[in-house]
Amino acid sequence: MAQLNLEPPKALIIHCGDPRFQKAFREFKSEKLGLEEGQYIPLIVPGSVASLCVGTFLPKNLKIMREQIELLLKHYATERIILINHEGCRSYGAMVAKLQHVLTSDVNAKQMEDLEFAAGLIRQISQRYGAHPKVELYMARVRKEDGEIVFERIGVG
């Protein structure tokens, strides 16, 4: 039977809820990031960080996402913030399509820009609570030759 975990989380991880990528996300968190369930706070939302960035044009999405992150970081100091976007994200694509008249870049380029933007915003939130976590950015891509999902490190700060 499971018991309450009293250890503080080591990371906050934000990624998309796309079911096609969930197994890859779990394996990546465990095998590459060295984090097991209970050692991190999972924030799994359609489009990953899209609501923080595209959300500036969709204020309700931005407000909800920002409030969730603030609540989590207020109560759980973490050493790491890990943001993951993925190629072929249908939720991200749908949000960007709604805003074609305002956004000029393609979806993949927008996802890369948004990882950096979201990292800055989350750093600001963390600093309000006296934290200075390491922020890691990743893009999950599907390798054409065999369909394997690979994670490309985009940045760290």
C-alpha atoms as a PDB file:
ATOM      1  CA  MET A   1       0.000   0.000   0.000  1.00  0.00           C
ATOM      2  CA  ALA A   2       1.278   3.470  -0.888  1.00  0.00           C
ATOM      3  CA  GLN A   3       2.317   5.861   1.871  1.00  0.00           C
ATOM      4  CA  LEU A   4       2.455   9.631   1.939  1.00  0.00           C
ATOM      5  CA  ASN A   5       5.722  10.918   0.499  1.00  0.00           C
ATOM      6  CA  LEU A   6       7.174  13.514   2.875  1.00  0.00           C
ATOM      7  CA  GLU A   7      10.299  14.243   0.824  1.00  0.00           C
ATOM      8  CA  PRO A   8      10.313  17.606  -0.945  1.00  0.00           C
ATOM      9  CA  PRO A   9      10.081  17.364  -4.734  1.00  0.00           C
ATOM     10  CA  LYS A  10      13.290  17.820  -6.721  1.00  0.00           C
ATOM     11  CA  ALA A  11      11.608  19.217  -9.825  1.00  0.00           C
ATOM     12  CA  LEU A  12       8.523  20.663 -11.443  1.00  0.00           C
ATOM     13  CA  ILE A  13       8.015  19.094 -14.871  1.00  0.00           C
ATOM     14  CA  ILE A  14       5.606  20.576 -17.396  1.00  0.00           C
ATOM     15  CA  HIS A  15       4.727  18.613 -20.503  1.00  0.00           C
ATOM     16  CA  CYS A  16       1.804  17.872 -22.801  1.00  0.00           C
ATOM     17  CA  GLY A  17      -0.886  15.299 -22.116  1.00  0.00           C
ATOM     18  CA  ASP A  18      -0.739  13.846 -25.659  1.00  0.00           C
ATOM     19  CA  PRO A  19      -1.219  10.083 -25.097  1.00  0.00           C
ATOM     20  CA  ARG A  20       1.110   9.227 -27.998  1.00  0.00           C
ATOM     21  CA  PHE A  21       4.056  10.609 -25.998  1.00  0.00           C
ATOM     22  CA  GLN A  22       3.285   9.537 -22.411  1.00  0.00           C
ATOM     23  CA  LYS A  23       5.446   6.410 -22.376  1.00  0.00           C
ATOM     24  CA  ALA A  24       8.368   8.378 -23.819  1.00  0.00           C
ATOM     25  CA  PHE A  25       7.871  11.143 -21.232  1.00  0.00           C
ATOM     26  CA  ARG A  26       7.865   8.589 -18.368  1.00  0.00           C
ATOM     27  CA  GLU A  27      11.001   6.871 -19.649  1.00  0.00           C
ATOM     28  CA  PHE A  28      12.754  10.193 -20.223  1.00  0.00           C
ATOM     29  CA  LYS A  29      11.976  11.422 -16.712  1.00  0.00           C
ATOM     30  CA  SER A  30      13.247   8.211 -15.162  1.00  0.00           C
ATOM     31  CA  GLU A  31      16.145   7.171 -17.392  1.00  0.00           C
ATOM     32  CA  LYS A  32      17.541  10.501 -18.604  1.00  0.00           C
ATOM     33  CA  LEU A  33      16.538  12.957 -15.898  1.00  0.00           C
ATOM     34  CA  GLY A  34      16.989  10.506 -13.009  1.00  0.00           C
ATOM     35  CA  LEU A  35      13.609  11.313 -11.477  1.00  0.00           C
ATOM     36  CA  GLU A  36      11.088   8.763 -10.268  1.00  0.00           C
ATOM     37  CA  GLU A  37       7.409   9.384  -9.502  1.00  0.00           C
ATOM     38  CA  GLY A  38       7.113  11.198  -6.208  1.00  0.00           C
ATOM     39  CA  GLN A  39      10.396  13.047  -6.773  1.00  0.00           C
ATOM     40  CA  TYR A  40       8.822  15.607  -9.078  1.00  0.00           C
ATOM     41  CA  ILE A  41       5.626  17.593  -9.506  1.00  0.00           C
ATOM     42  CA  PRO A  42       3.986  16.686 -12.817  1.00  0.00           C
ATOM     43  CA  LEU A  43       2.008  19.435 -14.510  1.00  0.00           C
ATOM     44  CA  ILE A  44       0.550  17.736 -17.559  1.00  0.00           C
ATOM     45  CA  VAL A  45      -1.534  20.032 -19.750  1.00  0.00           C
ATOM     46  CA  PRO A  46      -2.557  20.093 -23.399  1.00  0.00           C
ATOM     47  CA  GLY A  47       0.088  22.010 -25.296  1.00  0.00           C
ATOM     48  CA  SER A  48       2.606  22.038 -22.426  1.00  0.00           C
ATOM     49  CA  VAL A  49       3.796  25.664 -22.047  1.00  0.00           C
ATOM     50  CA  ALA A  50       1.553  27.008 -24.836  1.00  0.00           C
ATOM     51  CA  SER A  51      -0.879  28.544 -22.348  1.00  0.00           C
ATOM     52  CA  LEU A  52       1.918  30.668 -20.884  1.00  0.00           C
ATOM     53  CA  CYS A  53       2.943  32.036 -24.252  1.00  0.00           C
ATOM     54  CA  VAL A  54       0.117  31.769 -26.723  1.00  0.00           C
ATOM     55  CA  GLY A  55      -1.965  32.430 -23.617  1.00  0.00           C
ATOM     56  CA  THR A  56      -1.083  36.093 -23.750  1.00  0.00           C
ATOM     57  CA  PHE A  57      -3.611  36.129 -26.599  1.00  0.00           C
ATOM     58  CA  LEU A  58      -5.884  33.718 -24.707  1.00  0.00           C
ATOM     59  CA  PRO A  59      -5.962  35.353 -21.238  1.00  0.00           C
ATOM     60  CA  LYS A  60      -8.062  32.698 -19.477  1.00  0.00           C
ATOM     61  CA  ASN A  61      -5.540  29.994 -20.400  1.00  0.00           C
ATOM     62  CA  LEU A  62      -2.663  32.169 -19.204  1.00  0.00           C
ATOM     63  CA  LYS A  63      -4.371  33.021 -15.906  1.00  0.00           C
ATOM     64  CA  ILE A  64      -5.145  29.407 -15.018  1.00  0.00           C
ATOM     65  CA  MET A  65      -1.699  28.090 -15.950  1.00  0.00           C
ATOM     66  CA  ARG A  66       0.110  30.878 -14.132  1.00  0.00           C
ATOM     67  CA  GLU A  67      -1.986  30.377 -10.984  1.00  0.00           C
ATOM     68  CA  GLN A  68      -1.253  26.643 -10.998  1.00  0.00           C
ATOM     69  CA  ILE A  69       2.494  27.237 -11.304  1.00  0.00           C
ATOM     70  CA  GLU A  70       2.443  29.910  -8.599  1.00  0.00           C
ATOM     71  CA  LEU A  71       0.559  27.629  -6.210  1.00  0.00           C
ATOM     72  CA  LEU A  72       2.971  24.748  -6.789  1.00  0.00           C
ATOM     73  CA  LEU A  73       6.124  26.842  -6.454  1.00  0.00           C
ATOM     74  CA  LYS A  74       4.799  28.652  -3.380  1.00  0.00           C
ATOM     75  CA  HIS A  75       4.309  25.359  -1.545  1.00  0.00           C
ATOM     76  CA  TYR A  76       7.084  23.246  -3.033  1.00  0.00           C
ATOM     77  CA  ALA A  77      10.578  24.632  -3.498  1.00  0.00           C
ATOM     78  CA  THR A  78      12.246  22.667  -6.283  1.00  0.00           C
ATOM     79  CA  GLU A  79      15.824  22.467  -7.502  1.00  0.00           C
ATOM     80  CA  ARG A  80      14.813  22.075 -11.135  1.00  0.00           C
ATOM     81  CA  ILE A  81      12.125  23.252 -13.528  1.00  0.00           C
ATOM     82  CA  ILE A  82      11.851  21.068 -16.637  1.00  0.00           C
ATOM     83  CA  LEU A  83       9.806  22.211 -19.621  1.00  0.00           C
ATOM     84  CA  ILE A  84       9.132  19.828 -22.498  1.00  0.00           C
ATOM     85  CA  ASN A  85       7.399  20.532 -25.800  1.00  0.00           C
ATOM     86  CA  HIS A  86       6.952  17.931 -28.512  1.00  0.00           C
ATOM     87  CA  GLU A  87       6.803  17.783 -32.248  1.00  0.00           C
ATOM     88  CA  GLY A  88       3.364  17.300 -33.784  1.00  0.00           C
ATOM     89  CA  CYS A  89       1.503  18.688 -30.784  1.00  0.00           C
ATOM     90  CA  ARG A  90      -2.141  18.890 -31.784  1.00  0.00           C
ATOM     91  CA  SER A  91      -3.129  21.160 -28.899  1.00  0.00           C
ATOM     92  CA  TYR A  92      -0.327  23.593 -29.675  1.00  0.00           C
ATOM     93  CA  GLY A  93      -1.241  23.527 -33.343  1.00  0.00           C
ATOM     94  CA  ALA A  94      -4.888  24.281 -32.561  1.00  0.00           C
ATOM     95  CA  MET A  95      -3.975  27.261 -30.365  1.00  0.00           C
ATOM     96  CA  VAL A  96      -1.597  28.687 -32.949  1.00  0.00           C
ATOM     97  CA  ALA A  97      -4.186  28.162 -35.718  1.00  0.00           C
ATOM     98  CA  LYS A  98      -6.696  30.279 -33.759  1.00  0.00           C
ATOM     99  CA  LEU A  99      -4.151  33.082 -33.735  1.00  0.00           C
ATOM    100  CA  GLN A 100      -2.767  32.879 -37.279  1.00  0.00           C
ATOM    101  CA  HIS A 101      -3.577  36.541 -37.827  1.00  0.00           C
ATOM    102  CA  VAL A 102      -1.203  37.504 -34.982  1.00  0.00           C
ATOM    103  CA  LEU A 103       1.492  34.839 -35.108  1.00  0.00           C
ATOM    104  CA  THR A 104       3.828  34.599 -38.077  1.00  0.00           C
ATOM    105  CA  SER A 105       6.123  31.675 -37.271  1.00  0.00           C
ATOM    106  CA  ASP A 106       5.396  28.015 -37.887  1.00  0.00           C
ATOM    107  CA  VAL A 107       4.339  25.809 -34.980  1.00  0.00           C
ATOM    108  CA  ASN A 108       7.787  24.221 -34.371  1.00  0.00           C
ATOM    109  CA  ALA A 109       9.526  27.601 -34.360  1.00  0.00           C
ATOM    110  CA  LYS A 110       6.854  28.982 -32.024  1.00  0.00           C
ATOM    111  CA  GLN A 111       7.305  26.041 -29.652  1.00  0.00           C
ATOM    112  CA  MET A 112      11.056  26.710 -29.427  1.00  0.00           C
ATOM    113  CA  GLU A 113      10.512  30.429 -28.772  1.00  0.00           C
ATOM    114  CA  ASP A 114       7.864  29.654 -26.198  1.00  0.00           C
ATOM    115  CA  LEU A 115      10.113  27.321 -24.205  1.00  0.00           C
ATOM    116  CA  GLU A 116      12.505  30.257 -23.647  1.00  0.00           C
ATOM    117  CA  PHE A 117       9.670  32.669 -22.850  1.00  0.00           C
ATOM    118  CA  ALA A 118       8.046  30.256 -20.382  1.00  0.00           C
ATOM    119  CA  ALA A 119      11.404  29.638 -18.692  1.00  0.00           C
ATOM    120  CA  GLY A 120      11.788  33.367 -18.048  1.00  0.00           C
ATOM    121  CA  LEU A 121       8.276  33.684 -16.685  1.00  0.00           C
ATOM    122  CA  ILE A 122       8.687  30.686 -14.372  1.00  0.00           C
ATOM    123  CA  ARG A 123      12.055  32.023 -13.145  1.00  0.00           C
ATOM    124  CA  GLN A 124      10.280  35.257 -12.161  1.00  0.00           C
ATOM    125  CA  ILE A 125       7.615  33.333 -10.269  1.00  0.00           C
ATOM    126  CA  SER A 126      10.252  31.197  -8.500  1.00  0.00           C
ATOM    127  CA  GLN A 127      12.254  34.224  -7.430  1.00  0.00           C
ATOM    128  CA  ARG A 128       9.186  35.685  -5.711  1.00  0.00           C
ATOM    129  CA  TYR A 129       9.380  32.730  -3.347  1.00  0.00           C
ATOM    130  CA  GLY A 130      13.135  32.992  -2.857  1.00  0.00           C
ATOM    131  CA  ALA A 131      13.965  30.080  -5.147  1.00  0.00           C
ATOM    132  CA  HIS A 132      16.467  29.947  -7.991  1.00  0.00           C
ATOM    133  CA  PRO A 133      15.918  26.580  -9.650  1.00  0.00           C
ATOM    134  CA  LYS A 134      17.842  25.328 -12.651  1.00  0.00           C
ATOM    135  CA  VAL A 135      15.553  25.553 -15.692  1.00  0.00           C
ATOM    136  CA  GLU A 136      15.907  22.880 -18.386  1.00  0.00           C
ATOM    137  CA  LEU A 137      14.242  23.029 -21.799  1.00  0.00           C
ATOM    138  CA  TYR A 138      13.620  20.052 -24.077  1.00  0.00           C
ATOM    139  CA  MET A 139      11.966  19.348 -27.400  1.00  0.00           C
ATOM    140  CA  ALA A 140      10.748  15.790 -28.052  1.00  0.00           C
ATOM    141  CA  ARG A 141      11.081  14.810 -31.694  1.00  0.00           C
ATOM    142  CA  VAL A 142      10.046  11.720 -33.611  1.00  0.00           C
ATOM    143  CA  ARG A 143      12.981  10.206 -35.484  1.00  0.00           C
ATOM    144  CA  LYS A 144      11.870   9.679 -39.088  1.00  0.00           C
ATOM    145  CA  GLU A 145      13.751   6.450 -39.759  1.00  0.00           C
ATOM    146  CA  ASP A 146      12.333   4.379 -36.892  1.00  0.00           C
ATOM    147  CA  GLY A 147       9.655   6.431 -35.090  1.00  0.00           C
ATOM    148  CA  GLU A 148      11.666   6.585 -31.852  1.00  0.00           C
ATOM    149  CA  ILE A 149      11.056   9.657 -29.715  1.00  0.00           C
ATOM    150  CA  VAL A 150      14.265  11.516 -28.901  1.00  0.00           C
ATOM    151  CA  PHE A 151      14.646  14.459 -26.549  1.00  0.00           C
ATOM    152  CA  GLU A 152      16.748  17.385 -27.666  1.00  0.00           C
ATOM    153  CA  ARG A 153      18.051  19.684 -24.961  1.00  0.00           C
ATOM    154  CA  ILE A 154      17.267  23.240 -26.027  1.00  0.00           C
ATOM    155  CA  GLY A 155      18.615  25.209 -23.107  1.00  0.00           C
ATOM    156  CA  VAL A 156      19.378  25.414 -19.431  1.00  0.00           C
ATOM    157  CA  GLY A 157      19.654  28.286 -17.029  1.00  0.00           C
END
